[in-house]
Amino acid sequence: MAARRPNLPSAVADLGFAIAAGVLGGMGAPFLAFGALALAHAGLWAYTRRATLAATPANHRPGVIAVSLGLIAAVDAGAYYIGLSLGGGA
């Protein structure tokens, strides 16, 4: 099995989206703005992971995609809620 190389730019982008979600919450932005951010995050994830997804066996791919998108939504929503709690007037 080949050693996996970490994808640092993708990790930094994921962190940036989580921080942006927190800032949106802190500013009291409407949930629709958060939805647009989460959708953009999912789109970037799909683009940056396309080679990995192509190498994933077809029978495992739907599960990998579902878990990954669920985690993206959970992390971004958690950051939004924390920002909302700290400064957005929740």
Protein backbone atom coordinates (compact mmCIF):
# COMPACT_ATOMS: atom_id res chain seq x y z
CA MET A 1 0.00 0.00 0.00
CA ALA A 2 1.36 3.39 -0.97
CA ALA A 3 1.88 5.99 1.72
CA ARG A 4 -0.72 8.75 1.68
CA ARG A 5 0.49 12.29 1.34
CA PRO A 6 -1.32 14.91 3.40
CA ASN A 7 -3.15 17.56 1.39
CA LEU A 8 -2.22 20.67 3.35
CA PRO A 9 -3.93 23.23 1.05
CA SER A 10 -7.21 21.32 1.35
CA ALA A 11 -6.88 21.17 5.12
CA VAL A 12 -6.24 24.92 5.28
CA ALA A 13 -9.26 25.56 3.04
CA ASP A 14 -11.44 23.38 5.30
CA LEU A 15 -10.25 25.33 8.34
CA GLY A 16 -10.95 28.59 6.51
CA PHE A 17 -14.52 27.53 5.78
CA ALA A 18 -15.08 26.60 9.43
CA ILE A 19 -13.70 29.95 10.55
CA ALA A 20 -15.86 31.76 7.98
CA ALA A 21 -18.94 29.92 9.29
CA GLY A 22 -18.08 31.06 12.81
CA VAL A 23 -17.65 34.64 11.62
CA LEU A 24 -21.00 34.50 9.83
CA GLY A 25 -22.62 33.32 13.06
CA GLY A 26 -20.81 35.98 15.07
CA MET A 27 -22.11 38.66 12.73
CA GLY A 28 -25.64 37.31 13.05
CA ALA A 29 -25.83 36.50 9.34
CA PRO A 30 -29.02 34.74 8.22
CA PHE A 31 -29.00 30.96 7.99
CA LEU A 32 -29.31 31.24 4.20
CA ALA A 33 -25.83 32.81 4.09
CA PHE A 34 -24.53 29.87 6.12
CA GLY A 35 -26.20 27.49 3.67
CA ALA A 36 -24.43 29.15 0.75
CA LEU A 37 -21.11 28.87 2.58
CA ALA A 38 -21.66 25.19 3.37
CA LEU A 39 -22.63 24.52 -0.26
CA ALA A 40 -19.44 26.23 -1.46
CA HIS A 41 -17.44 24.17 1.04
CA ALA A 42 -19.01 20.94 -0.27
CA GLY A 43 -18.25 22.00 -3.84
CA LEU A 44 -14.62 22.71 -3.03
CA TRP A 45 -14.37 19.37 -1.22
CA ALA A 46 -15.72 17.53 -4.26
CA TYR A 47 -13.29 19.37 -6.56
CA THR A 48 -10.19 18.85 -4.44
CA ARG A 49 -10.97 15.18 -3.73
CA ARG A 50 -11.91 14.17 -7.27
CA ALA A 51 -8.79 12.01 -7.82
CA THR A 52 -9.25 10.26 -4.49
CA LEU A 53 -12.93 9.68 -5.18
CA ALA A 54 -12.12 8.27 -8.61
CA ALA A 55 -9.72 5.79 -6.99
CA THR A 56 -12.31 4.73 -4.40
CA PRO A 57 -14.12 1.50 -5.26
CA ALA A 58 -17.53 2.26 -6.78
CA ASN A 59 -19.42 0.32 -4.11
CA HIS A 60 -17.79 2.38 -1.30
CA ARG A 61 -18.00 5.78 -2.99
CA PRO A 62 -21.60 6.72 -1.94
CA GLY A 63 -20.82 5.99 1.71
CA VAL A 64 -17.58 7.96 1.63
CA ILE A 65 -19.35 10.92 0.03
CA ALA A 66 -22.28 10.80 2.47
CA VAL A 67 -20.05 10.64 5.55
CA SER A 68 -17.76 13.38 4.27
CA LEU A 69 -20.58 15.77 3.39
CA GLY A 70 -22.27 15.04 6.71
CA LEU A 71 -19.08 15.91 8.58
CA ILE A 72 -18.61 19.09 6.56
CA ALA A 73 -22.18 20.14 7.40
CA ALA A 74 -21.74 19.26 11.09
CA VAL A 75 -18.45 21.14 11.51
CA ASP A 76 -19.66 24.20 9.63
CA ALA A 77 -22.99 24.22 11.51
CA GLY A 78 -21.18 23.85 14.83
CA ALA A 79 -18.89 26.77 14.02
CA TYR A 80 -21.89 28.86 12.91
CA TYR A 81 -23.74 28.07 16.14
CA ILE A 82 -20.70 28.90 18.28
CA GLY A 83 -20.34 32.23 16.48
CA LEU A 84 -24.05 32.88 16.86
CA SER A 85 -23.84 32.10 20.58
CA LEU A 86 -20.83 34.34 21.13
CA GLY A 87 -21.90 37.38 19.22
CA GLY A 88 -24.80 36.91 16.88
CA GLY A 89 -27.63 37.31 19.33
CA ALA A 90 -28.82 33.71 19.68
